[in-house]
Amino acid sequence: MKKIRLGIYIDDEEYGDRLTCYFMNHFNNRLEIHMYTRQEELINLSGQIDIMLSSELNEWNNRGIPLIQIVEETPIESEEGIYFVEKYQEVNFIVDEILKHVAGEVRDLQKDGSLMGQARLISVYSLADNQFQMPFAMTLASILSENERVLFIDFQENSGLSRMFEQSKEHNLDELLVMAESGRYSTNRINSCIGHSQKLDYVYPIDNTENLCEINTVICNNLLQMLGKEMHYDCIVLNMGTRFKGFFDILDRSDEIYLVQKKCPISQWREYEFTEELMERGLSNVVERIKIIEPPVIAVPVSTCEKLVEMWKWNEFGDVIRNMTRGISCAG
């Protein structure tokens, strides 16, 4: 993915240095930073940058280059080519604003070549006790993001993800599905649908969960191509929902499948029937890629999903997950 050429002109030296360091440490794969210290350098920037970020410019004469103005008060109404963001907020939101306003060429999905480029697809599913499915999927994605560029997508109805992260009403999974269905997309529209938490990227949760059941094979294929091949992720972790139209096609395309369940007679019966159904569909290869995950007993009360994810990530269960993702067999 081509880096966005970001110009920065900020007189507040301390704030500017901290902001730039954050960009370099967390968004180096997306942003190419151009620092300016004198207004004379800003006379003609055509061809040098894609967008300007500043807190001092009252006038902007570079037509065709958007300006994001940092203000200390509640942002005033934007005007043509000039947009306003609050200074004292999470830097991720400022980055989202940058990505939102960089012009993105509308392109058609290419039908040839590898569907997802180099990206791996990992699916997480549960037949029973599925209240632990989303926390496990988040723990897995968070651990993988320590060493890879990972995107987390939630296909599970009412999973609770919106309680963990910021949710966008305008730009979320719903918009990605519209692009996937049409086969036309732009990188800035895709980026506007993606949030960031530490090193992990995630698609903003869908607002209308009824739309999830309409995800068919064509939409699945186009969505994976947009996000995997065009956006250059190393890995996509998909938290699976119930039987949407492209459910089995997703499983067939997954490099790894984690089945989350507690051991009991009922879960074993359901696992047996699920395996039988896969075999009848000619998906024996899917059966071979399934790894059974039994969440550990929670000895202490956990008030939020975030705390559960952090607890799993850094205790023995997290070590088990790390070993599994490295291909090391480990007795659970």
C-alpha atoms as a PDB file:
ATOM      1  CA  MET A   1       0.000   0.000   0.000  1.00  0.00           C
ATOM      2  CA  LYS A   2       1.402   3.395  -0.995  1.00  0.00           C
ATOM      3  CA  LYS A   3       2.289   5.574   1.983  1.00  0.00           C
ATOM      4  CA  ILE A   4       0.412   8.815   2.515  1.00  0.00           C
ATOM      5  CA  ARG A   5       2.758  11.813   2.301  1.00  0.00           C
ATOM      6  CA  LEU A   6       1.842  13.839   5.395  1.00  0.00           C
ATOM      7  CA  GLY A   7       3.106  17.405   5.816  1.00  0.00           C
ATOM      8  CA  ILE A   8       3.383  18.727   9.387  1.00  0.00           C
ATOM      9  CA  TYR A   9       3.727  22.390  10.392  1.00  0.00           C
ATOM     10  CA  ILE A  10       3.268  22.954  14.135  1.00  0.00           C
ATOM     11  CA  ASP A  11       4.801  25.804  16.166  1.00  0.00           C
ATOM     12  CA  ASP A  12       4.245  24.034  19.501  1.00  0.00           C
ATOM     13  CA  GLU A  13       7.572  22.204  19.421  1.00  0.00           C
ATOM     14  CA  GLU A  14       6.862  19.778  22.267  1.00  0.00           C
ATOM     15  CA  TYR A  15       3.440  18.784  20.940  1.00  0.00           C
ATOM     16  CA  GLY A  16       4.741  18.532  17.376  1.00  0.00           C
ATOM     17  CA  ASP A  17       7.683  16.315  18.387  1.00  0.00           C
ATOM     18  CA  ARG A  18       5.494  13.974  20.446  1.00  0.00           C
ATOM     19  CA  LEU A  19       2.899  13.749  17.699  1.00  0.00           C
ATOM     20  CA  THR A  20       5.530  13.042  15.040  1.00  0.00           C
ATOM     21  CA  CYS A  21       7.226  10.385  17.199  1.00  0.00           C
ATOM     22  CA  TYR A  22       3.871   8.661  17.671  1.00  0.00           C
ATOM     23  CA  PHE A  23       3.284   8.666  13.914  1.00  0.00           C
ATOM     24  CA  MET A  24       6.750   7.237  13.279  1.00  0.00           C
ATOM     25  CA  ASN A  25       6.408   4.527  15.947  1.00  0.00           C
ATOM     26  CA  HIS A  26       2.873   3.365  15.179  1.00  0.00           C
ATOM     27  CA  PHE A  27       2.046   4.381  11.590  1.00  0.00           C
ATOM     28  CA  ASN A  28       5.375   4.184   9.801  1.00  0.00           C
ATOM     29  CA  ASN A  29       3.894   1.660   7.373  1.00  0.00           C
ATOM     30  CA  ARG A  30       1.158   4.140   6.339  1.00  0.00           C
ATOM     31  CA  LEU A  31       2.595   7.628   6.695  1.00  0.00           C
ATOM     32  CA  GLU A  32       5.587   9.324   5.092  1.00  0.00           C
ATOM     33  CA  ILE A  33       6.353  12.364   7.249  1.00  0.00           C
ATOM     34  CA  HIS A  34       7.428  15.732   5.793  1.00  0.00           C
ATOM     35  CA  MET A  35       8.329  18.304   8.471  1.00  0.00           C
ATOM     36  CA  TYR A  36       8.185  22.048   7.769  1.00  0.00           C
ATOM     37  CA  THR A  37       9.516  24.746  10.105  1.00  0.00           C
ATOM     38  CA  ARG A  38       8.953  27.948   8.091  1.00  0.00           C
ATOM     39  CA  GLN A  39       5.830  29.199   6.323  1.00  0.00           C
ATOM     40  CA  GLU A  40       7.911  30.124   3.278  1.00  0.00           C
ATOM     41  CA  GLU A  41       8.371  26.397   2.678  1.00  0.00           C
ATOM     42  CA  LEU A  42       4.602  25.998   2.259  1.00  0.00           C
ATOM     43  CA  ILE A  43       4.131  28.222  -0.789  1.00  0.00           C
ATOM     44  CA  ASN A  44       3.847  25.425  -3.378  1.00  0.00           C
ATOM     45  CA  LEU A  45       3.627  21.850  -2.123  1.00  0.00           C
ATOM     46  CA  SER A  46       1.996  20.308  -5.175  1.00  0.00           C
ATOM     47  CA  GLY A  47       3.557  16.893  -5.818  1.00  0.00           C
ATOM     48  CA  GLN A  48       5.373  16.896  -2.460  1.00  0.00           C
ATOM     49  CA  ILE A  49       2.621  15.922  -0.013  1.00  0.00           C
ATOM     50  CA  ASP A  50      -0.891  14.481  -0.047  1.00  0.00           C
ATOM     51  CA  ILE A  51      -2.265  16.274   3.030  1.00  0.00           C
ATOM     52  CA  MET A  52      -1.129  18.906   5.561  1.00  0.00           C
ATOM     53  CA  LEU A  53      -1.546  18.781   9.347  1.00  0.00           C
ATOM     54  CA  SER A  54      -1.131  22.071  11.218  1.00  0.00           C
ATOM     55  CA  SER A  55      -2.274  24.113  14.198  1.00  0.00           C
ATOM     56  CA  GLU A  56      -1.052  27.524  12.989  1.00  0.00           C
ATOM     57  CA  LEU A  57      -2.220  28.046   9.405  1.00  0.00           C
ATOM     58  CA  ASN A  58      -5.155  30.446   9.104  1.00  0.00           C
ATOM     59  CA  GLU A  59      -4.994  30.535   5.313  1.00  0.00           C
ATOM     60  CA  TRP A  60      -4.338  27.705   2.908  1.00  0.00           C
ATOM     61  CA  ASN A  61      -3.460  28.393  -0.704  1.00  0.00           C
ATOM     62  CA  ASN A  62      -2.377  24.937  -1.887  1.00  0.00           C
ATOM     63  CA  ARG A  63      -5.394  23.943  -3.948  1.00  0.00           C
ATOM     64  CA  GLY A  64      -5.975  20.207  -4.189  1.00  0.00           C
ATOM     65  CA  ILE A  65      -4.083  19.454  -0.958  1.00  0.00           C
ATOM     66  CA  PRO A  66      -6.404  19.048   2.053  1.00  0.00           C
ATOM     67  CA  LEU A  67      -5.511  20.831   5.303  1.00  0.00           C
ATOM     68  CA  ILE A  68      -6.354  19.369   8.702  1.00  0.00           C
ATOM     69  CA  GLN A  69      -6.308  22.156  11.262  1.00  0.00           C
ATOM     70  CA  ILE A  70      -5.704  21.172  14.901  1.00  0.00           C
ATOM     71  CA  VAL A  71      -7.770  23.281  17.304  1.00  0.00           C
ATOM     72  CA  GLU A  72      -8.036  23.262  21.100  1.00  0.00           C
ATOM     73  CA  GLU A  73     -11.784  23.846  21.132  1.00  0.00           C
ATOM     74  CA  THR A  74     -14.581  21.754  19.702  1.00  0.00           C
ATOM     75  CA  PRO A  75     -13.968  21.613  15.923  1.00  0.00           C
ATOM     76  CA  ILE A  76     -15.837  24.243  13.955  1.00  0.00           C
ATOM     77  CA  GLU A  77     -17.632  23.432  10.740  1.00  0.00           C
ATOM     78  CA  SER A  78     -15.263  22.379   7.972  1.00  0.00           C
ATOM     79  CA  GLU A  79     -14.974  24.318   4.742  1.00  0.00           C
ATOM     80  CA  GLU A  80     -13.850  23.198   1.315  1.00  0.00           C
ATOM     81  CA  GLY A  81     -10.431  21.547   1.600  1.00  0.00           C
ATOM     82  CA  ILE A  82      -9.987  22.535   5.275  1.00  0.00           C
ATOM     83  CA  TYR A  83     -11.031  20.259   8.137  1.00  0.00           C
ATOM     84  CA  PHE A  84     -10.809  20.652  11.916  1.00  0.00           C
ATOM     85  CA  VAL A  85      -9.908  18.185  14.672  1.00  0.00           C
ATOM     86  CA  GLU A  86      -9.543  18.568  18.411  1.00  0.00           C
ATOM     87  CA  LYS A  87      -5.985  18.731  19.709  1.00  0.00           C
ATOM     88  CA  TYR A  88      -6.447  16.812  22.951  1.00  0.00           C
ATOM     89  CA  GLN A  89      -7.783  13.439  21.861  1.00  0.00           C
ATOM     90  CA  GLU A  90      -6.349  10.035  21.011  1.00  0.00           C
ATOM     91  CA  VAL A  91      -3.875  10.276  18.155  1.00  0.00           C
ATOM     92  CA  ASN A  92      -5.635   7.340  16.474  1.00  0.00           C
ATOM     93  CA  PHE A  93      -8.628   9.602  15.808  1.00  0.00           C
ATOM     94  CA  ILE A  94      -6.409  12.244  14.232  1.00  0.00           C
ATOM     95  CA  VAL A  95      -4.919   9.547  11.998  1.00  0.00           C
ATOM     96  CA  ASP A  96      -8.431   8.395  11.069  1.00  0.00           C
ATOM     97  CA  GLU A  97      -9.195  11.973   9.980  1.00  0.00           C
ATOM     98  CA  ILE A  98      -6.030  12.054   7.870  1.00  0.00           C
ATOM     99  CA  LEU A  99      -6.909   8.791   6.140  1.00  0.00           C
ATOM    100  CA  LYS A 100     -10.472   9.944   5.606  1.00  0.00           C
ATOM    101  CA  HIS A 101      -9.530  13.054   3.609  1.00  0.00           C
ATOM    102  CA  VAL A 102      -6.715  11.760   1.431  1.00  0.00           C
ATOM    103  CA  ALA A 103      -8.053  11.411  -2.075  1.00  0.00           C
ATOM    104  CA  GLY A 104      -8.409   7.759  -2.983  1.00  0.00           C
ATOM    105  CA  GLU A 105      -8.716   6.536  -6.534  1.00  0.00           C
ATOM    106  CA  VAL A 106     -11.797   4.402  -7.064  1.00  0.00           C
ATOM    107  CA  ARG A 107     -10.668   1.060  -8.408  1.00  0.00           C
ATOM    108  CA  ASP A 108     -12.201  -2.204  -9.521  1.00  0.00           C
ATOM    109  CA  LEU A 109     -11.170  -5.446  -7.868  1.00  0.00           C
ATOM    110  CA  GLN A 110      -8.867  -7.560 -10.018  1.00  0.00           C
ATOM    111  CA  LYS A 111     -10.150 -11.067 -10.615  1.00  0.00           C
ATOM    112  CA  ASP A 112      -6.811 -12.648 -11.437  1.00  0.00           C
ATOM    113  CA  GLY A 113      -3.943 -13.739  -9.213  1.00  0.00           C
ATOM    114  CA  SER A 114      -3.966 -14.780  -5.579  1.00  0.00           C
ATOM    115  CA  LEU A 115      -7.158 -13.903  -3.727  1.00  0.00           C
ATOM    116  CA  MET A 116      -5.451 -12.491  -0.633  1.00  0.00           C
ATOM    117  CA  GLY A 117      -1.853 -11.960  -1.676  1.00  0.00           C
ATOM    118  CA  GLN A 118       0.404 -13.028   1.189  1.00  0.00           C
ATOM    119  CA  ALA A 119      -2.224 -12.582   3.910  1.00  0.00           C
ATOM    120  CA  ARG A 120      -3.255 -15.569   6.042  1.00  0.00           C
ATOM    121  CA  LEU A 121      -6.863 -16.031   7.081  1.00  0.00           C
ATOM    122  CA  ILE A 122      -7.655 -17.315  10.574  1.00  0.00           C
ATOM    123  CA  SER A 123     -11.246 -18.073  11.595  1.00  0.00           C
ATOM    124  CA  VAL A 124     -12.568 -18.399  15.140  1.00  0.00           C
ATOM    125  CA  TYR A 125     -15.875 -20.155  15.773  1.00  0.00           C
ATOM    126  CA  SER A 126     -17.826 -21.723  18.614  1.00  0.00           C
ATOM    127  CA  LEU A 127     -20.608 -24.307  18.682  1.00  0.00           C
ATOM    128  CA  ALA A 128     -21.341 -23.820  22.373  1.00  0.00           C
ATOM    129  CA  ASP A 129     -20.350 -21.489  25.232  1.00  0.00           C
ATOM    130  CA  ASN A 130     -19.778 -18.837  22.602  1.00  0.00           C
ATOM    131  CA  GLN A 131     -19.515 -16.020  25.144  1.00  0.00           C
ATOM    132  CA  PHE A 132     -15.791 -16.849  25.133  1.00  0.00           C
ATOM    133  CA  GLN A 133     -15.468 -16.806  21.341  1.00  0.00           C
ATOM    134  CA  MET A 134     -14.929 -13.085  20.900  1.00  0.00           C
ATOM    135  CA  PRO A 135     -12.514 -12.666  23.846  1.00  0.00           C
ATOM    136  CA  PHE A 136     -10.434 -15.567  22.532  1.00  0.00           C
ATOM    137  CA  ALA A 137     -10.459 -14.144  18.993  1.00  0.00           C
ATOM    138  CA  MET A 138      -9.344 -10.758  20.344  1.00  0.00           C
ATOM    139  CA  THR A 139      -6.601 -12.362  22.453  1.00  0.00           C
ATOM    140  CA  LEU A 140      -5.368 -14.333  19.443  1.00  0.00           C
ATOM    141  CA  ALA A 141      -5.368 -11.263  17.188  1.00  0.00           C
ATOM    142  CA  SER A 142      -3.617  -9.141  19.818  1.00  0.00           C
ATOM    143  CA  ILE A 143      -0.872 -11.736  20.278  1.00  0.00           C
ATOM    144  CA  LEU A 144      -0.351 -12.094  16.525  1.00  0.00           C
ATOM    145  CA  SER A 145      -0.101  -8.307  16.163  1.00  0.00           C
ATOM    146  CA  GLU A 146       3.035  -8.347  18.319  1.00  0.00           C
ATOM    147  CA  ASN A 147       5.007  -9.473  15.256  1.00  0.00           C
ATOM    148  CA  GLU A 148       2.670  -9.040  12.265  1.00  0.00           C
ATOM    149  CA  ARG A 149       0.314  -6.527  10.702  1.00  0.00           C
ATOM    150  CA  VAL A 150      -3.054  -7.945  11.746  1.00  0.00           C
ATOM    151  CA  LEU A 151      -6.648  -6.948  10.984  1.00  0.00           C
ATOM    152  CA  PHE A 152      -9.540  -8.140  13.162  1.00  0.00           C
ATOM    153  CA  ILE A 153     -13.027  -8.479  11.632  1.00  0.00           C
ATOM    154  CA  ASP A 154     -16.162  -9.324  13.611  1.00  0.00           C
ATOM    155  CA  PHE A 155     -18.875 -11.338  11.840  1.00  0.00           C
ATOM    156  CA  GLN A 156     -20.513 -12.459  15.098  1.00  0.00           C
ATOM    157  CA  GLU A 157     -23.909 -10.963  15.898  1.00  0.00           C
ATOM    158  CA  ASN A 158     -23.959  -8.887  19.099  1.00  0.00           C
ATOM    159  CA  SER A 159     -20.487 -10.080  20.065  1.00  0.00           C
ATOM    160  CA  GLY A 160     -19.849  -7.117  22.348  1.00  0.00           C
ATOM    161  CA  LEU A 161     -16.949  -5.740  20.306  1.00  0.00           C
ATOM    162  CA  SER A 162     -18.574  -2.290  20.149  1.00  0.00           C
ATOM    163  CA  ARG A 163     -18.232  -2.137  23.948  1.00  0.00           C
ATOM    164  CA  MET A 164     -14.488  -2.658  23.699  1.00  0.00           C
ATOM    165  CA  PHE A 165     -13.621  -0.185  20.951  1.00  0.00           C
ATOM    166  CA  GLU A 166     -14.824   3.012  19.400  1.00  0.00           C
ATOM    167  CA  GLN A 167     -17.635   2.457  16.910  1.00  0.00           C
ATOM    168  CA  SER A 168     -18.249   4.489  13.764  1.00  0.00           C
ATOM    169  CA  LYS A 169     -21.858   4.870  12.648  1.00  0.00           C
ATOM    170  CA  GLU A 170     -20.930   6.074   9.157  1.00  0.00           C
ATOM    171  CA  HIS A 171     -17.847   4.018   8.313  1.00  0.00           C
ATOM    172  CA  ASN A 172     -17.808   0.415   9.471  1.00  0.00           C
ATOM    173  CA  LEU A 173     -18.118  -3.165   8.251  1.00  0.00           C
ATOM    174  CA  ASP A 174     -21.400  -2.276   6.569  1.00  0.00           C
ATOM    175  CA  GLU A 175     -19.607   0.117   4.187  1.00  0.00           C
ATOM    176  CA  LEU A 176     -16.919  -2.484   3.455  1.00  0.00           C
ATOM    177  CA  LEU A 177     -19.625  -4.996   2.540  1.00  0.00           C
ATOM    178  CA  VAL A 178     -21.199  -2.471   0.155  1.00  0.00           C
ATOM    179  CA  MET A 179     -17.843  -2.016  -1.570  1.00  0.00           C
ATOM    180  CA  ALA A 180     -17.252  -5.772  -1.652  1.00  0.00           C
ATOM    181  CA  GLU A 181     -20.663  -6.381  -3.208  1.00  0.00           C
ATOM    182  CA  SER A 182     -20.078  -3.750  -5.915  1.00  0.00           C
ATOM    183  CA  GLY A 183     -16.476  -4.821  -6.565  1.00  0.00           C
ATOM    184  CA  ARG A 184     -15.365  -1.152  -6.460  1.00  0.00           C
ATOM    185  CA  TYR A 185     -13.370   0.447  -3.672  1.00  0.00           C
ATOM    186  CA  SER A 186     -10.965   3.206  -2.720  1.00  0.00           C
ATOM    187  CA  THR A 187      -8.227   2.972  -0.130  1.00  0.00           C
ATOM    188  CA  ASN A 188      -9.376   6.058   1.782  1.00  0.00           C
ATOM    189  CA  ARG A 189     -12.894   4.601   2.144  1.00  0.00           C
ATOM    190  CA  ILE A 190     -11.414   1.333   3.381  1.00  0.00           C
ATOM    191  CA  ASN A 191      -9.143   3.140   5.841  1.00  0.00           C
ATOM    192  CA  SER A 192     -12.070   5.149   7.201  1.00  0.00           C
ATOM    193  CA  CYS A 193     -13.667   1.843   8.255  1.00  0.00           C
ATOM    194  CA  ILE A 194     -10.621   0.675  10.220  1.00  0.00           C
ATOM    195  CA  GLY A 195      -9.781   1.601  13.805  1.00  0.00           C
ATOM    196  CA  HIS A 196      -6.571   1.055  15.750  1.00  0.00           C
ATOM    197  CA  SER A 197      -5.856  -0.303  19.227  1.00  0.00           C
ATOM    198  CA  GLN A 198      -2.184  -0.454  20.131  1.00  0.00           C
ATOM    199  CA  LYS A 199      -0.638  -2.515  17.299  1.00  0.00           C
ATOM    200  CA  LEU A 200      -3.908  -4.136  16.245  1.00  0.00           C
ATOM    201  CA  ASP A 201      -6.161  -2.854  13.458  1.00  0.00           C
ATOM    202  CA  TYR A 202      -9.864  -3.680  13.560  1.00  0.00           C
ATOM    203  CA  VAL A 203     -12.869  -3.033  11.351  1.00  0.00           C
ATOM    204  CA  TYR A 204     -15.459  -0.905  13.122  1.00  0.00           C
ATOM    205  CA  PRO A 205     -18.355  -3.225  14.128  1.00  0.00           C
ATOM    206  CA  ILE A 206     -21.426  -3.316  11.920  1.00  0.00           C
ATOM    207  CA  ASP A 207     -24.392  -1.268  13.100  1.00  0.00           C
ATOM    208  CA  ASN A 208     -27.189  -3.375  11.579  1.00  0.00           C
ATOM    209  CA  THR A 209     -26.401  -7.031  12.312  1.00  0.00           C
ATOM    210  CA  GLU A 210     -29.205  -8.227  10.010  1.00  0.00           C
ATOM    211  CA  ASN A 211     -26.883  -7.493   7.092  1.00  0.00           C
ATOM    212  CA  LEU A 212     -24.435 -10.160   8.258  1.00  0.00           C
ATOM    213  CA  CYS A 213     -26.664 -13.018   7.132  1.00  0.00           C
ATOM    214  CA  GLU A 214     -26.518 -11.739   3.518  1.00  0.00           C
ATOM    215  CA  ILE A 215     -22.738 -12.183   3.233  1.00  0.00           C
ATOM    216  CA  ASN A 216     -22.381 -14.631   0.342  1.00  0.00           C
ATOM    217  CA  THR A 217     -19.372 -16.212  -1.342  1.00  0.00           C
ATOM    218  CA  VAL A 218     -18.847 -13.363  -3.828  1.00  0.00           C
ATOM    219  CA  ILE A 219     -18.940 -10.730  -1.083  1.00  0.00           C
ATOM    220  CA  CYS A 220     -16.569 -12.830   1.053  1.00  0.00           C
ATOM    221  CA  ASN A 221     -14.077 -13.220  -1.787  1.00  0.00           C
ATOM    222  CA  ASN A 222     -14.160  -9.513  -2.677  1.00  0.00           C
ATOM    223  CA  LEU A 223     -13.875  -8.453   0.960  1.00  0.00           C
ATOM    224  CA  LEU A 224     -10.845 -10.668   1.536  1.00  0.00           C
ATOM    225  CA  GLN A 225      -9.204  -9.394  -1.633  1.00  0.00           C
ATOM    226  CA  MET A 226      -9.759  -5.744  -0.684  1.00  0.00           C
ATOM    227  CA  LEU A 227      -8.385  -6.164   2.820  1.00  0.00           C
ATOM    228  CA  GLY A 228      -5.768  -8.856   2.328  1.00  0.00           C
ATOM    229  CA  LYS A 229      -4.257  -8.205  -1.055  1.00  0.00           C
ATOM    230  CA  GLU A 230      -4.843  -4.492  -1.573  1.00  0.00           C
ATOM    231  CA  MET A 231      -4.199  -3.364   2.023  1.00  0.00           C
ATOM    232  CA  HIS A 232      -1.222  -5.672   2.531  1.00  0.00           C
ATOM    233  CA  TYR A 233      -2.088  -7.227   5.874  1.00  0.00           C
ATOM    234  CA  ASP A 234      -0.034 -10.208   7.009  1.00  0.00           C
ATOM    235  CA  CYS A 235      -2.979 -11.831   8.742  1.00  0.00           C
ATOM    236  CA  ILE A 236      -6.752 -11.375   8.996  1.00  0.00           C
ATOM    237  CA  VAL A 237      -8.487 -12.797  12.069  1.00  0.00           C
ATOM    238  CA  LEU A 238     -12.189 -13.344  11.489  1.00  0.00           C
ATOM    239  CA  ASN A 239     -14.576 -13.811  14.413  1.00  0.00           C
ATOM    240  CA  MET A 240     -17.223 -15.976  12.768  1.00  0.00           C
ATOM    241  CA  GLY A 241     -20.959 -15.566  13.206  1.00  0.00           C
ATOM    242  CA  THR A 242     -23.763 -18.020  12.570  1.00  0.00           C
ATOM    243  CA  ARG A 243     -24.400 -19.577   9.196  1.00  0.00           C
ATOM    244  CA  PHE A 244     -24.280 -16.654   6.810  1.00  0.00           C
ATOM    245  CA  LYS A 245     -24.337 -17.553   3.123  1.00  0.00           C
ATOM    246  CA  GLY A 246     -20.568 -17.664   2.673  1.00  0.00           C
ATOM    247  CA  PHE A 247     -19.855 -19.439   5.976  1.00  0.00           C
ATOM    248  CA  PHE A 248     -18.431 -22.688   4.602  1.00  0.00           C
ATOM    249  CA  ASP A 249     -16.521 -20.910   1.835  1.00  0.00           C
ATOM    250  CA  ILE A 250     -14.748 -18.812   4.463  1.00  0.00           C
ATOM    251  CA  LEU A 251     -13.820 -21.956   6.401  1.00  0.00           C
ATOM    252  CA  ASP A 252     -12.544 -23.556   3.215  1.00  0.00           C
ATOM    253  CA  ARG A 253     -10.277 -20.542   2.576  1.00  0.00           C
ATOM    254  CA  SER A 254      -9.004 -20.320   6.164  1.00  0.00           C
ATOM    255  CA  ASP A 255      -5.421 -21.287   6.866  1.00  0.00           C
ATOM    256  CA  GLU A 256      -6.267 -22.000  10.512  1.00  0.00           C
ATOM    257  CA  ILE A 257      -9.580 -22.574  12.295  1.00  0.00           C
ATOM    258  CA  TYR A 258      -9.997 -22.345  16.057  1.00  0.00           C
ATOM    259  CA  LEU A 259     -13.084 -24.000  17.547  1.00  0.00           C
ATOM    260  CA  VAL A 260     -13.738 -22.553  21.016  1.00  0.00           C
ATOM    261  CA  GLN A 261     -15.661 -24.770  23.429  1.00  0.00           C
ATOM    262  CA  LYS A 262     -15.626 -26.261  26.892  1.00  0.00           C
ATOM    263  CA  LYS A 263     -15.402 -30.033  27.201  1.00  0.00           C
ATOM    264  CA  CYS A 264     -18.739 -31.608  28.027  1.00  0.00           C
ATOM    265  CA  PRO A 265     -20.995 -34.260  26.429  1.00  0.00           C
ATOM    266  CA  ILE A 266     -23.177 -31.669  24.671  1.00  0.00           C
ATOM    267  CA  SER A 267     -20.229 -29.827  23.119  1.00  0.00           C
ATOM    268  CA  GLN A 268     -18.755 -33.157  21.985  1.00  0.00           C
ATOM    269  CA  TRP A 269     -22.048 -34.120  20.299  1.00  0.00           C
ATOM    270  CA  ARG A 270     -22.183 -30.769  18.540  1.00  0.00           C
ATOM    271  CA  GLU A 271     -18.562 -31.075  17.466  1.00  0.00           C
ATOM    272  CA  TYR A 272     -19.275 -34.543  16.060  1.00  0.00           C
ATOM    273  CA  GLU A 273     -22.267 -33.297  14.050  1.00  0.00           C
ATOM    274  CA  PHE A 274     -20.312 -30.266  12.816  1.00  0.00           C
ATOM    275  CA  THR A 275     -17.456 -32.499  11.659  1.00  0.00           C
ATOM    276  CA  GLU A 276     -19.879 -34.857   9.938  1.00  0.00           C
ATOM    277  CA  GLU A 277     -21.504 -31.962   8.101  1.00  0.00           C
ATOM    278  CA  LEU A 278     -18.120 -30.723   6.900  1.00  0.00           C
ATOM    279  CA  MET A 279     -17.223 -34.190   5.631  1.00  0.00           C
ATOM    280  CA  GLU A 280     -20.542 -34.502   3.791  1.00  0.00           C
ATOM    281  CA  ARG A 281     -19.808 -31.181   2.071  1.00  0.00           C
ATOM    282  CA  GLY A 282     -16.454 -32.499   0.901  1.00  0.00           C
ATOM    283  CA  LEU A 283     -14.534 -30.264   3.310  1.00  0.00           C
ATOM    284  CA  SER A 284     -12.285 -32.855   4.940  1.00  0.00           C
ATOM    285  CA  ASN A 285      -9.426 -30.356   4.537  1.00  0.00           C
ATOM    286  CA  VAL A 286     -11.304 -27.989   6.835  1.00  0.00           C
ATOM    287  CA  VAL A 287     -11.633 -30.698   9.486  1.00  0.00           C
ATOM    288  CA  GLU A 288      -7.871 -31.213   9.392  1.00  0.00           C
ATOM    289  CA  ARG A 289      -7.210 -27.529  10.060  1.00  0.00           C
ATOM    290  CA  ILE A 290      -9.491 -27.258  13.095  1.00  0.00           C
ATOM    291  CA  LYS A 291      -7.832 -26.721  16.474  1.00  0.00           C
ATOM    292  CA  ILE A 292      -9.989 -27.189  19.568  1.00  0.00           C
ATOM    293  CA  ILE A 293      -9.558 -24.434  22.157  1.00  0.00           C
ATOM    294  CA  GLU A 294     -10.863 -24.858  25.693  1.00  0.00           C
ATOM    295  CA  PRO A 295     -10.903 -21.544  27.585  1.00  0.00           C
ATOM    296  CA  PRO A 296      -9.393 -21.817  31.058  1.00  0.00           C
ATOM    297  CA  VAL A 297     -11.493 -21.637  34.185  1.00  0.00           C
ATOM    298  CA  ILE A 298     -11.800 -18.046  35.375  1.00  0.00           C
ATOM    299  CA  ALA A 299     -10.928 -18.153  39.064  1.00  0.00           C
ATOM    300  CA  VAL A 300     -11.551 -14.465  39.781  1.00  0.00           C
ATOM    301  CA  PRO A 301     -14.425 -12.220  38.637  1.00  0.00           C
ATOM    302  CA  VAL A 302     -13.671 -10.317  35.438  1.00  0.00           C
ATOM    303  CA  SER A 303     -15.714  -7.161  34.984  1.00  0.00           C
ATOM    304  CA  THR A 304     -14.998  -6.377  31.327  1.00  0.00           C
ATOM    305  CA  CYS A 305     -13.989  -8.161  28.160  1.00  0.00           C
ATOM    306  CA  GLU A 306     -10.887  -5.947  27.907  1.00  0.00           C
ATOM    307  CA  LYS A 307      -9.659  -7.197  31.271  1.00  0.00           C
ATOM    308  CA  LEU A 308     -10.313 -10.796  30.281  1.00  0.00           C
ATOM    309  CA  VAL A 309      -8.337 -10.351  27.052  1.00  0.00           C
ATOM    310  CA  GLU A 310      -5.428  -8.774  28.938  1.00  0.00           C
ATOM    311  CA  MET A 311      -5.516 -11.526  31.572  1.00  0.00           C
ATOM    312  CA  TRP A 312      -5.490 -14.282  28.953  1.00  0.00           C
ATOM    313  CA  LYS A 313      -2.828 -12.541  26.912  1.00  0.00           C
ATOM    314  CA  TRP A 314      -0.291 -12.485  29.740  1.00  0.00           C
ATOM    315  CA  ASN A 315      -1.049 -15.666  31.686  1.00  0.00           C
ATOM    316  CA  GLU A 316      -0.371 -19.326  30.835  1.00  0.00           C
ATOM    317  CA  PHE A 317      -3.254 -19.381  28.351  1.00  0.00           C
ATOM    318  CA  GLY A 318      -1.507 -16.656  26.371  1.00  0.00           C
ATOM    319  CA  ASP A 319       1.634 -18.806  26.285  1.00  0.00           C
ATOM    320  CA  VAL A 320      -0.428 -21.707  24.937  1.00  0.00           C
ATOM    321  CA  ILE A 321      -1.819 -19.460  22.175  1.00  0.00           C
ATOM    322  CA  ARG A 322       1.655 -18.190  21.287  1.00  0.00           C
ATOM    323  CA  ASN A 323       2.951 -21.736  21.007  1.00  0.00           C
ATOM    324  CA  MET A 324       0.013 -22.767  18.836  1.00  0.00           C
ATOM    325  CA  THR A 325       0.505 -19.831  16.469  1.00  0.00           C
ATOM    326  CA  ARG A 326       4.175 -20.735  16.152  1.00  0.00           C
ATOM    327  CA  GLY A 327       3.274 -24.269  15.152  1.00  0.00           C
ATOM    328  CA  ILE A 328       4.554 -25.736  18.411  1.00  0.00           C
ATOM    329  CA  SER A 329       2.463 -28.513  19.904  1.00  0.00           C
ATOM    330  CA  CYS A 330       1.675 -27.755  23.474  1.00  0.00           C
ATOM    331  CA  ALA A 331      -0.390 -29.732  25.911  1.00  0.00           C
ATOM    332  CA  GLY A 332      -3.215 -27.590  27.221  1.00  0.00           C
END
